[in-house]
Protein backbone atom coordinates (compact mmCIF):
# COMPACT_ATOMS: atom_id res chain seq x y z
CA MET A 1 28.61 -31.07 17.47
CA LYS A 2 27.25 -30.20 20.92
CA LEU A 3 25.86 -26.90 19.59
CA LYS A 4 24.25 -28.69 16.64
CA LEU A 5 22.62 -31.22 18.97
CA VAL A 6 21.28 -28.47 21.23
CA THR A 7 19.86 -26.67 18.21
CA ILE A 8 18.12 -29.81 16.96
CA MET A 9 16.67 -30.45 20.43
CA PHE A 10 15.44 -26.83 20.59
CA VAL A 11 13.77 -27.15 17.21
CA LEU A 12 12.13 -30.45 18.16
CA ALA A 13 10.95 -29.03 21.47
CA ILE A 14 9.24 -26.14 19.73
CA ALA A 15 7.93 -28.39 16.98
CA ALA A 16 6.23 -30.51 19.61
CA ASN A 17 3.97 -27.56 20.40
CA PHE A 18 3.04 -26.90 16.77
CA SER A 19 1.03 -28.83 14.24
CA PHE A 20 2.13 -29.71 10.73
CA ALA A 21 -1.13 -28.91 8.92
CA GLN A 22 -1.49 -25.26 8.20
CA ASP A 23 -5.13 -24.68 7.27
CA PHE A 24 -6.97 -23.23 10.28
CA TYR A 25 -7.31 -19.58 11.29
CA LEU A 26 -5.77 -18.72 14.64
CA GLY A 27 -6.62 -15.02 14.64
CA THR A 28 -4.32 -12.04 15.18
CA GLY A 29 -4.88 -12.12 18.92
CA THR A 30 -3.01 -10.04 21.49
CA PRO A 31 0.55 -10.05 22.91
CA SER A 32 -0.76 -11.74 26.08
CA ASP A 33 -1.77 -14.91 24.22
CA PRO A 34 0.35 -18.03 24.84
CA GLN A 35 3.18 -18.00 22.32
CA GLY A 36 2.38 -19.82 19.13
CA THR A 37 -1.39 -19.46 19.44
CA SER A 38 -1.80 -16.16 17.59
CA CYS A 39 0.18 -13.72 15.46
CA ALA A 40 0.49 -11.10 18.22
CA SER A 41 1.87 -13.71 20.62
CA CYS A 42 5.14 -13.57 18.66
CA HIS A 43 5.08 -10.52 16.39
CA SER A 44 4.88 -7.77 19.01
CA THR A 45 7.44 -5.70 20.88
CA VAL A 46 6.47 -7.47 24.10
CA ASN A 47 7.42 -10.88 22.72
CA ASN A 48 10.00 -10.17 20.03
CA GLY A 49 13.36 -8.46 20.33
CA ILE A 50 13.79 -8.10 16.56
CA ALA A 51 12.33 -4.72 15.71
CA LYS A 52 11.50 -5.49 12.08
CA LEU A 53 9.36 -8.46 13.15
CA THR A 54 7.11 -6.54 15.53
CA TYR A 55 4.44 -6.09 12.88
CA TYR A 56 1.55 -6.24 15.36
CA ASP A 57 2.51 -2.94 16.97
CA SER A 58 2.19 -0.96 13.75
CA TRP A 59 -0.66 -3.02 12.27
CA LYS A 60 -2.94 -2.34 15.24
CA LEU A 61 -2.92 1.37 14.30
CA THR A 62 -4.21 0.74 10.78
CA LYS A 63 -7.82 0.78 9.60
CA HIS A 64 -7.61 -2.95 8.90
CA ALA A 65 -7.16 -3.54 12.63
CA GLN A 66 -10.41 -1.66 13.24
CA ALA A 67 -12.33 -2.84 10.17
CA TYR A 68 -15.11 -4.37 12.27
CA ASP A 69 -14.76 -2.57 15.60
CA SER A 70 -15.02 0.93 14.14
CA LEU A 71 -18.10 0.11 12.03
CA SER A 72 -19.82 -2.74 13.88
CA GLY A 73 -22.83 -0.55 14.61
CA ILE A 74 -23.64 -0.13 10.93
CA LEU A 75 -22.34 -3.32 9.31
CA SER A 76 -24.83 -5.70 7.74
CA TYR A 77 -24.30 -9.45 7.38
CA ARG A 78 -23.16 -8.92 3.77
CA CYS A 79 -20.45 -6.51 4.93
CA LEU A 80 -18.87 -8.98 7.36
CA GLN A 81 -17.00 -10.91 4.67
CA CYS A 82 -14.70 -7.92 4.12
CA HIS A 83 -14.53 -6.67 7.71
CA THR A 84 -13.45 -9.94 9.32
CA THR A 85 -10.75 -12.57 8.79
CA GLY A 86 -11.02 -15.90 6.99
CA TRP A 87 -14.56 -15.53 5.69
CA ASP A 88 -15.27 -18.50 3.44
CA ALA A 89 -18.58 -20.32 3.82
CA SER A 90 -17.41 -23.15 1.55
CA VAL A 91 -14.92 -24.57 4.09
CA THR A 92 -14.72 -25.17 7.83
CA ASN A 93 -11.39 -23.74 8.96
CA GLY A 94 -12.02 -21.38 11.85
CA GLY A 95 -12.86 -18.33 9.75
CA ALA A 96 -15.19 -15.61 11.02
CA ASP A 97 -18.15 -16.95 9.03
CA GLU A 98 -18.33 -19.93 11.41
CA TYR A 99 -19.06 -17.78 14.45
CA VAL A 100 -21.94 -15.70 13.10
CA LYS A 101 -25.22 -16.35 11.30
CA ALA A 102 -27.62 -14.33 9.24
CA ASP A 103 -30.64 -13.29 11.29
CA THR A 104 -33.14 -10.89 9.75
CA SER A 105 -34.78 -10.36 13.13
CA ALA A 106 -31.55 -9.20 14.76
CA PRO A 107 -30.09 -5.69 14.56
CA HIS A 108 -28.10 -5.32 11.33
CA GLY A 109 -29.25 -8.75 10.16
CA TYR A 110 -26.85 -11.10 11.96
CA THR A 111 -26.22 -12.80 15.28
CA ILE A 112 -22.84 -13.78 16.75
CA THR A 113 -23.05 -17.44 17.75
CA ASN A 114 -19.57 -17.83 19.28
CA ALA A 115 -18.21 -14.65 20.84
CA THR A 116 -14.78 -16.12 21.61
CA GLY A 117 -14.24 -17.35 18.07
CA PHE A 118 -15.66 -14.21 16.50
CA ASN A 119 -13.52 -11.89 18.64
CA ARG A 120 -10.52 -13.91 17.50
CA THR A 121 -11.28 -13.35 13.81
CA LYS A 122 -13.03 -9.98 13.67
CA ASN A 123 -11.32 -7.09 11.85
CA VAL A 124 -8.89 -7.69 8.97
CA GLY A 125 -5.99 -9.53 10.54
CA CYS A 126 -2.65 -10.96 9.48
CA GLU A 127 -4.08 -14.20 8.13
CA ASP A 128 -6.30 -12.40 5.66
CA CYS A 129 -3.14 -11.77 3.61
CA HIS A 130 -0.79 -14.50 4.87
CA GLY A 131 -3.36 -17.29 4.90
CA PRO A 132 -4.34 -19.54 7.83
CA LEU A 133 -1.45 -20.38 10.14
CA GLY A 134 -2.64 -23.21 12.38
CA ASP A 135 -5.01 -26.13 12.73
CA SER A 136 -8.18 -26.95 14.62
CA THR A 137 -6.26 -27.44 17.88
CA GLY A 138 -5.38 -23.75 17.90
CA ASN A 139 -1.65 -24.29 17.48
CA LEU A 140 0.69 -22.65 15.00
CA SER A 141 2.00 -24.96 12.30
CA VAL A 142 5.71 -25.64 12.37
CA ASP A 143 5.70 -25.05 8.60
CA HIS A 144 5.35 -21.36 9.38
CA TRP A 145 8.91 -21.39 10.72
CA GLY A 146 10.39 -23.29 7.80
CA PHE A 147 12.14 -25.74 10.16
CA PHE A 148 11.72 -28.58 7.72
CA GLY A 149 12.80 -26.87 4.54
CA ASN A 150 9.50 -25.16 3.77
CA GLY A 151 10.46 -21.62 4.65
CA THR A 152 8.18 -20.03 2.06
CA THR A 153 4.90 -21.40 3.37
CA ASN A 154 3.76 -18.04 4.76
CA VAL A 155 5.60 -15.66 2.52
CA PRO A 156 2.78 -13.17 1.94
CA SER A 157 1.38 -12.84 -1.54
CA VAL A 158 1.60 -9.34 -2.98
CA ALA A 159 -0.79 -10.21 -5.82
CA ALA A 160 -3.43 -7.57 -6.47
CA ASP A 161 -6.33 -9.94 -5.89
CA VAL A 162 -5.33 -10.35 -2.23
CA CYS A 163 -6.54 -6.78 -1.67
CA GLY A 164 -8.99 -6.96 -4.55
CA LYS A 165 -11.17 -9.59 -2.91
CA CYS A 166 -12.63 -6.69 -0.93
CA HIS A 167 -11.40 -3.58 -2.72
CA SER A 168 -13.27 -4.17 -5.97
CA GLY A 169 -16.71 -3.90 -7.48
CA SER A 170 -18.99 -0.89 -7.78
CA TYR A 171 -18.61 0.09 -4.13
CA HIS A 172 -14.79 0.08 -3.93
CA PRO A 173 -13.47 -0.34 -7.50
CA TYR A 174 -9.77 -0.09 -6.64
CA LEU A 175 -8.80 -3.39 -8.25
CA ASP A 176 -11.02 -2.76 -11.28
CA GLU A 177 -9.31 0.56 -11.98
CA TRP A 178 -5.82 -0.72 -11.20
CA ASN A 179 -6.33 -3.43 -13.82
CA LEU A 180 -6.69 -0.66 -16.40
CA SER A 181 -3.47 1.05 -15.35
CA LYS A 182 0.06 0.63 -16.65
CA HIS A 183 1.09 -0.52 -13.17
CA ALA A 184 -0.89 -3.69 -13.82
CA ILE A 185 1.28 -4.56 -16.83
CA SER A 186 4.63 -3.44 -15.45
CA THR A 187 6.00 -6.98 -15.77
CA SER A 188 4.10 -8.27 -18.76
CA SER A 189 3.15 -5.55 -21.22
CA SER A 190 5.55 -6.85 -23.83
CA ALA A 191 8.38 -9.24 -24.52
CA THR A 192 10.69 -6.29 -23.98
CA ILE A 193 9.88 -6.17 -20.29
CA THR A 194 10.25 -9.90 -19.87
CA ASN A 195 13.49 -10.19 -21.82
CA VAL A 196 15.18 -6.90 -21.01
CA VAL A 197 13.76 -5.05 -18.02
CA LEU A 198 13.63 -8.04 -15.70
CA LYS A 199 17.30 -8.70 -16.36
CA ASN A 200 18.37 -5.10 -15.85
CA LYS A 201 19.19 -4.13 -12.28
CA SER A 202 18.41 -0.46 -12.88
CA CYS A 203 14.91 -1.34 -14.18
CA VAL A 204 13.63 -4.18 -12.06
CA ARG A 205 13.00 -2.26 -8.84
CA CYS A 206 10.37 -0.16 -10.61
CA HIS A 207 8.69 -3.00 -12.47
CA VAL A 208 8.39 -5.79 -9.87
CA ALA A 209 6.36 -5.35 -6.69
CA GLN A 210 8.58 -7.45 -4.45
CA ASN A 211 11.70 -5.56 -5.50
CA PHE A 212 10.00 -2.19 -5.15
CA ILE A 213 8.91 -3.05 -1.60
CA LEU A 214 12.48 -3.95 -0.64
CA TYR A 215 13.75 -0.78 -2.31
CA MET A 216 11.27 1.29 -0.29
CA GLN A 217 12.58 -0.31 2.90
CA ASN A 218 16.23 0.36 2.07
CA PRO A 219 16.88 2.43 -1.10
CA ALA A 220 20.64 2.35 -0.72
CA ALA A 221 20.84 -1.43 -0.42
CA TYR A 222 18.31 -2.39 -3.07
CA ARG A 223 18.69 0.30 -5.73
CA ASP A 224 20.48 -2.00 -8.17
CA THR A 225 19.79 -5.49 -6.83
CA ILE A 226 17.56 -8.05 -8.50
CA LEU A 227 15.97 -10.20 -5.81
CA VAL A 228 12.76 -11.56 -7.29
CA THR A 229 12.47 -12.78 -10.86
CA GLY A 230 10.95 -15.71 -12.69
CA ASN A 231 7.50 -17.12 -12.07
CA ASN A 232 7.11 -15.41 -8.70
CA ILE A 233 7.23 -11.85 -9.95
CA GLN A 234 4.25 -9.54 -9.53
CA PRO A 235 3.62 -6.22 -11.29
CA LEU A 236 3.23 -3.03 -9.27
CA THR A 237 0.29 -4.19 -7.20
CA CYS A 238 -1.49 -2.55 -4.24
CA ALA A 239 1.10 -3.81 -1.76
CA ALA A 240 3.92 -2.21 -3.74
CA CYS A 241 2.73 1.28 -2.81
CA HIS A 242 0.62 0.57 0.29
CA ASP A 243 2.12 -0.98 3.42
CA PRO A 244 -0.43 -3.28 5.09
CA HIS A 245 1.61 -3.21 8.31
CA SER A 246 1.84 0.54 8.82
CA ASP A 247 -0.26 3.68 9.00
CA ALA A 248 2.73 6.01 9.24
CA ASN A 249 1.76 7.79 6.01
CA PRO A 250 -1.69 8.73 4.66
CA LYS A 251 -3.53 5.82 2.98
CA GLN A 252 -0.82 3.49 4.36
CA LEU A 253 1.55 4.56 1.58
CA ARG A 254 5.16 3.50 1.89
CA MET A 255 6.29 7.12 1.42
CA SER A 256 4.99 10.61 1.97
CA VAL A 257 2.70 12.37 -0.51
CA THR A 258 4.22 15.82 -0.18
CA ASN A 259 7.25 17.59 -1.61
CA LYS A 260 9.81 15.39 -3.38
CA ALA A 261 9.20 12.44 -1.08
CA VAL A 262 6.02 11.43 -2.92
CA ILE A 263 6.08 7.72 -3.61
CA CYS A 264 5.59 8.24 -7.36
CA ASP A 265 8.98 9.97 -7.52
CA ALA A 266 10.70 6.74 -6.54
CA CYS A 267 10.31 5.64 -10.16
CA HIS A 268 8.89 8.52 -12.16
CA SER A 269 11.86 10.79 -11.53
CA VAL A 270 15.46 10.44 -12.55
CA TYR A 271 17.30 13.39 -11.04
CA LEU A 272 20.62 13.57 -12.86
CA ASP A 273 23.79 15.24 -11.64
CA SER A 274 24.31 16.91 -15.00
CA VAL A 275 22.95 17.09 -18.53
CA ASN A 276 24.46 14.72 -21.07
CA VAL A 277 22.99 15.31 -24.52
CA ASN A 278 24.54 12.05 -25.74
CA THR A 279 22.16 10.02 -23.58
CA ALA A 280 18.45 9.27 -23.80
CA VAL A 281 15.97 10.82 -21.38
CA HIS A 282 14.04 8.39 -19.17
CA GLU A 283 11.22 8.94 -16.64
CA ASP A 284 11.66 12.68 -16.21
CA ASN A 285 8.13 13.54 -15.06
CA GLY A 286 9.29 14.66 -11.61
CA PRO A 287 12.20 16.79 -12.86
CA ALA A 288 9.84 18.38 -15.40
CA LEU A 289 7.34 19.31 -12.70
CA ASP A 290 10.09 20.62 -10.42
CA GLY A 291 11.91 22.45 -13.19
CA ALA A 292 15.09 20.63 -12.17
CA ALA A 293 18.27 22.14 -13.61
CA THR A 294 18.96 18.90 -15.47
CA PHE A 295 15.56 18.75 -17.17
CA GLY A 296 16.39 19.65 -20.74
CA TYR A 297 19.43 21.41 -22.14
CA ARG A 298 19.60 25.07 -21.06
CA TYR A 299 21.12 27.30 -23.73
CA PRO A 300 23.76 29.77 -22.48
CA GLY A 301 22.51 33.31 -22.01
CA GLN A 302 18.86 32.27 -21.76
CA THR A 303 16.64 32.60 -18.69
CA TYR A 304 14.43 29.66 -17.70
CA SER A 305 11.57 29.77 -15.23
CA ASN A 306 8.83 27.45 -14.00
CA SER A 307 5.06 27.60 -14.24
CA ALA A 308 2.54 27.59 -11.41
CA HIS A 309 2.14 23.80 -11.31
CA THR A 310 5.64 23.53 -9.84
CA PHE A 311 4.36 25.19 -6.69
CA ALA A 312 0.62 24.46 -6.70
CA ALA A 313 0.46 20.66 -6.45
CA THR A 314 0.41 20.13 -2.69
CA GLN A 315 0.52 16.37 -3.09
CA ARG A 316 2.50 16.44 -6.31
CA CYS A 317 1.49 13.63 -8.69
CA ILE A 318 -1.34 12.46 -6.44
CA THR A 319 -3.17 15.80 -6.68
CA CYS A 320 -4.07 15.15 -10.33
CA HIS A 321 -3.26 11.50 -11.04
CA VAL A 322 -5.06 9.92 -8.09
CA TYR A 323 -8.03 12.24 -7.97
CA ALA A 324 -10.91 10.26 -6.49
CA SER A 325 -14.64 10.97 -6.50
CA THR A 326 -15.74 12.66 -3.29
CA THR A 327 -19.09 10.87 -3.25
CA GLY A 328 -19.66 7.18 -3.78
CA GLY A 329 -16.96 4.77 -4.89
CA THR A 330 -17.26 5.08 -8.64
CA ASN A 331 -13.77 6.48 -9.17
CA THR A 332 -10.85 5.86 -6.83
CA GLY A 333 -8.18 7.40 -9.06
CA HIS A 334 -6.31 4.12 -9.41
CA THR A 335 -6.06 4.14 -13.18
CA PHE A 336 -3.56 6.94 -12.42
CA GLU A 337 -4.78 8.88 -15.42
CA PRO A 338 -5.17 12.61 -14.66
CA ARG A 339 -8.77 13.81 -14.35
CA VAL A 340 -10.23 17.10 -15.50
CA GLN A 341 -12.06 17.35 -12.17
CA ALA A 342 -8.67 17.83 -10.53
CA CYS A 343 -7.92 20.74 -12.86
CA ALA A 344 -11.20 22.42 -11.98
CA GLN A 345 -10.14 22.59 -8.34
CA CYS A 346 -7.89 25.51 -9.21
CA HIS A 347 -9.23 26.66 -12.58
CA SER A 348 -12.84 27.58 -11.86
CA ASP A 349 -13.45 28.38 -15.54
CA TYR A 350 -12.00 25.05 -16.71
CA PHE A 351 -15.21 23.52 -18.06
CA THR A 352 -16.12 26.68 -19.95
CA LYS A 353 -12.71 26.95 -21.61
CA VAL A 354 -12.02 23.30 -22.40
CA ASP A 355 -14.03 20.78 -24.40
CA THR A 356 -13.58 17.88 -22.00
CA SER A 357 -15.57 15.56 -24.27
CA ASN A 358 -12.59 15.56 -26.64
CA ALA A 359 -10.21 13.01 -25.13
CA ALA A 360 -7.24 14.36 -27.06
CA LYS A 361 -7.81 17.95 -25.90
CA ARG A 362 -9.35 17.55 -22.46
CA PHE A 363 -6.32 19.12 -20.78
CA ASP A 364 -5.78 21.86 -23.35
CA TYR A 365 -6.50 24.73 -20.95
CA ASP A 366 -5.53 28.04 -22.59
CA GLY A 367 -4.13 26.02 -25.50
CA VAL A 368 -1.20 24.71 -23.47
CA GLN A 369 -1.10 21.32 -25.15
CA THR A 370 -1.83 22.67 -28.64
CA THR A 371 1.05 25.14 -28.39
CA THR A 372 3.45 22.57 -26.98
CA ASP A 373 2.54 19.97 -29.60
CA SER A 374 3.00 22.56 -32.34
CA LEU A 375 6.48 23.44 -31.10
CA MET A 376 7.37 19.76 -30.86
CA ALA A 377 6.19 19.21 -34.44
CA VAL A 378 8.28 22.12 -35.73
CA LEU A 379 11.37 20.88 -33.91
CA GLN A 380 10.78 17.31 -35.04
CA ALA A 381 10.50 18.46 -38.65
CA LYS A 382 13.85 20.25 -38.40
CA LEU A 383 15.49 17.21 -36.85
CA ASN A 384 14.03 15.00 -39.56
CA LYS A 385 15.84 17.07 -42.15
CA ALA A 386 19.18 16.46 -40.49
CA SER A 387 21.85 14.67 -42.46
CA HIS A 388 24.03 11.95 -41.02
CA SER A 389 26.75 14.51 -40.35
CA ASP A 390 24.21 16.85 -38.73
CA SER A 391 23.36 14.18 -36.18
CA ALA A 392 26.91 14.24 -34.86
CA THR A 393 26.86 17.98 -34.12
CA ALA A 394 26.32 19.48 -30.68
CA SER A 395 23.43 21.63 -31.92
CA PHE A 396 21.55 18.55 -33.17
CA LYS A 397 22.11 16.64 -29.93
CA GLU A 398 21.05 19.61 -27.78
CA ALA A 399 17.87 20.13 -29.79
CA ASN A 400 17.09 16.41 -29.85
CA TYR A 401 17.68 16.17 -26.10
CA ASN A 402 15.11 18.90 -25.47
CA LEU A 403 12.60 17.21 -27.73
CA ASP A 404 13.20 13.93 -25.89
CA ALA A 405 12.83 15.65 -22.52
CA VAL A 406 9.49 17.27 -23.31
CA SER A 407 8.20 14.21 -25.17
CA GLY A 408 9.34 11.88 -22.39
CA ASP A 409 7.55 13.96 -19.77
CA GLY A 410 4.34 13.03 -21.56
CA SER A 411 2.19 15.91 -20.28
CA HIS A 412 2.38 17.95 -23.50
CA GLY A 413 3.57 20.90 -21.47
CA VAL A 414 1.02 20.69 -18.66
CA HIS A 415 3.51 19.78 -15.94
CA ASN A 416 5.65 22.86 -16.50
CA THR A 417 4.32 24.93 -19.42
CA ARG A 418 6.67 27.87 -19.21
CA LEU A 419 9.85 25.79 -18.99
CA GLU A 420 8.94 23.12 -21.54
CA GLN A 421 7.85 25.58 -24.21
CA LYS A 422 10.98 27.67 -23.66
CA LEU A 423 13.20 24.59 -24.09
CA LEU A 424 11.49 23.78 -27.40
CA THR A 425 11.57 27.37 -28.67
CA ASP A 426 15.29 27.68 -27.96
CA ALA A 427 16.02 24.32 -29.58
CA ILE A 428 14.20 25.43 -32.75
CA ALA A 429 16.16 28.67 -32.83
CA ASN A 430 19.54 27.04 -32.27
CA PHE A 431 19.46 24.16 -34.75
CA THR A 432 19.52 24.48 -38.53
CA PRO A 433 19.86 21.27 -40.57
CA THR A 434 22.11 21.12 -43.61
CA GLY A 435 20.37 18.05 -45.07
CA THR A 436 17.13 17.88 -47.04
CA THR A 437 14.26 15.45 -47.14
CA GLY A 438 14.13 12.56 -49.62
CA VAL A 439 17.25 12.12 -51.77
CA LYS A 440 20.00 13.79 -49.77
CA ASP A 441 22.91 14.13 -52.14
CA VAL A 442 22.15 13.82 -55.84
CA ASN A 443 25.70 14.81 -56.75
CA ASN A 444 27.18 11.83 -54.95
CA LEU A 445 25.15 8.88 -56.16
CA PRO A 446 25.90 5.57 -54.41
CA THR A 447 27.41 2.52 -56.08
CA THR A 448 26.36 -0.08 -53.46
CA TYR A 449 23.33 -0.99 -51.38
CA SER A 450 23.64 -0.06 -47.70
CA ILE A 451 21.60 0.75 -44.63
CA SER A 452 23.08 2.66 -41.70
CA GLN A 453 22.69 2.27 -37.98
CA ASN A 454 19.72 4.38 -36.91
CA TYR A 455 20.41 7.69 -35.21
CA PRO A 456 20.00 8.64 -32.47
CA ASN A 457 20.25 5.24 -30.81
CA PRO A 458 18.88 4.68 -28.19
CA PHE A 459 16.02 7.01 -29.23
CA ASN A 460 12.75 8.43 -27.93
CA PRO A 461 10.44 8.54 -29.74
CA THR A 462 11.85 9.28 -33.21
CA THR A 463 14.85 7.90 -35.04
CA THR A 464 16.24 8.13 -38.59
CA ILE A 465 17.68 5.40 -40.82
CA ASP A 466 19.88 6.25 -43.83
CA PHE A 467 19.97 3.86 -46.80
CA THR A 468 21.45 3.91 -50.29
CA LEU A 469 20.34 2.41 -53.60
CA PRO A 470 22.88 2.00 -56.44
CA GLU A 471 20.03 1.42 -58.89
CA ALA A 472 16.28 1.89 -59.11
CA SER A 473 14.43 -0.89 -57.29
CA ASN A 474 11.50 -1.83 -55.09
CA VAL A 475 12.43 -1.15 -51.47
CA LYS A 476 10.80 -2.33 -48.26
CA ILE A 477 11.96 -1.42 -44.76
CA THR A 478 10.10 -3.19 -41.96
CA VAL A 479 10.33 -2.91 -38.15
CA TYR A 480 9.97 -5.96 -35.87
CA ASP A 481 9.78 -6.30 -32.08
CA ALA A 482 12.04 -8.55 -30.00
CA LEU A 483 9.78 -11.55 -30.65
CA GLY A 484 10.00 -11.11 -34.41
CA LYS A 485 6.50 -9.69 -34.75
CA GLN A 486 6.15 -7.04 -37.45
CA VAL A 487 5.09 -3.72 -35.91
CA THR A 488 5.27 -1.28 -38.84
CA THR A 489 6.55 -0.71 -42.39
CA LEU A 490 8.59 2.45 -42.95
CA VAL A 491 9.15 2.18 -46.69
CA ASN A 492 7.40 0.09 -49.33
CA SER A 493 7.76 1.63 -52.78
CA PHE A 494 9.80 1.85 -55.99
CA LEU A 495 12.70 4.31 -55.61
CA ASN A 496 15.32 5.63 -57.98
CA ARG A 497 19.06 5.40 -57.45
CA GLY A 498 20.12 7.67 -54.58
CA ASN A 499 20.70 8.35 -50.91
CA TYR A 500 17.58 8.16 -48.75
CA LYS A 501 16.43 8.17 -45.18
CA ALA A 502 13.44 6.73 -43.35
CA THR A 503 12.06 8.07 -40.08
CA TRP A 504 10.20 6.10 -37.44
CA ASN A 505 8.09 7.78 -34.75
CA ALA A 506 7.65 5.12 -32.05
CA ASP A 507 5.60 7.27 -29.71
CA SER A 508 2.89 4.60 -29.39
CA TYR A 509 5.28 1.70 -28.78
CA SER A 510 6.84 0.36 -25.58
CA SER A 511 10.50 0.71 -24.68
CA GLY A 512 12.72 -2.12 -25.80
CA VAL A 513 14.79 -3.72 -28.52
CA TYR A 514 13.51 -3.57 -32.10
CA PHE A 515 14.93 -4.71 -35.45
CA TYR A 516 14.66 -3.07 -38.85
CA ARG A 517 15.08 -4.94 -42.11
CA ILE A 518 15.65 -3.70 -45.65
CA GLU A 519 14.79 -5.69 -48.78
CA ALA A 520 15.84 -4.29 -52.19
CA LYS A 521 16.43 -6.58 -55.18
CA ASN A 522 19.06 -9.05 -53.92
CA PHE A 523 20.02 -6.90 -50.92
CA LEU A 524 18.83 -7.95 -47.45
CA MET A 525 20.09 -6.65 -44.10
CA VAL A 526 18.81 -6.49 -40.50
CA LYS A 527 19.97 -4.12 -37.73
CA LYS A 528 19.01 -3.62 -34.10
CA MET A 529 17.82 -0.42 -32.42
CA VAL A 530 16.70 0.49 -28.90
CA LEU A 531 13.66 2.55 -27.95
CA LEU A 532 14.16 3.95 -24.45
CA LYS A 533 11.34 6.01 -22.95
């Protein structure tokens, strides 16, 4: 009871020095400020014994901390709104706009009218992301501490538009390009993500910004823990990859950009302990580039080697997928789509060998993609001819695993040409189907309607569905997504009595749960299948 009373008195004593309205900018300040009058007065090593809360010490080394100071000699009045804190001419709340005025007669077109206030809010400080922390008296609001049940008042927003208010437009189109990327729809591209991914502990850390940030801070603790779901979730925004508090890595990334520590590998690489041909391949871009021993099934007696890209990409994924324009701000690389300009850095004859105006073939240097796609088509055709019994054999699973691996990599052989084409060639040579296309067994005609579970399942990107007709009839097989929306029709024709199969190539569809339905005379049945990319 005594301890509780002391605690309450301590809280009230502190609360007496803080206001309850949290709408005025205090400024980042310095560690020498009276405690509670600026961010640095608490969040620095000098004033805080909790290491993880000493954000000021690392922030002051970032470019945000020098956004005005390092460029003040060349900034115009128009530039100030993105190089200072709290700029908003529509309100009076202690933002930097209140301490400066446009002045065409002055150098750079502006005059500072209140040096003390402007020095407090110049550069891009804590409150530019966290919001204003005090009131007009210059005191920190008690709400910031959550003493009265409002502990989320200053939880920083990781929404993309927090950074995008400055990093957008023709000059710095980071937000504009990010909006076109798959990162921007990592939580909302389909009902599958909402209904499946966000409930799956092994998926959520790579689809939700808040969870990814926590995972980056402590991979062991947050690998399989769902912490943020519901209405508060954000897709993989700027803050997911870039740490506003630290300049420890280039571009304030949360991980290195070299070797296997590149931040992209945190999600775009699943390094397995061993190959299991009974499982589906998922996010194997990194292992493909590295030529990891568990990328694809290696046939005994065969020799597998890697291509030059395994060794040439000094910044791994970033070298090609975040290639930015060297002049102007017209392309920041934040769509994360590879650019032919990156290829030309090493291949000086690239633009003479490749028709870059053809979107489908713009990376087909020396026919790499054409050859890989041809091998994939040959292997897919053989797999399509497989009977139900074929699909249970080791040779089918090994070949299908290699097709999944190369298809799942998504580069059409560019990441590791030599290895990926060898895996496909060996799979073609080592699998021979016993089944045939169309009617599979005319000597064993069915006596009942049926439709089998698709195989393989889960699949990526192709799966096969067997069905039988005991009599000639009109047949329709339709595929629906998890919301019941029709996505494609596999069969819609009059067929004779027999054993049949339908194949679905879901290469253009998102991972998730789908349903297929057969209608034939009085026969109706629905089954579930899982696409896992």
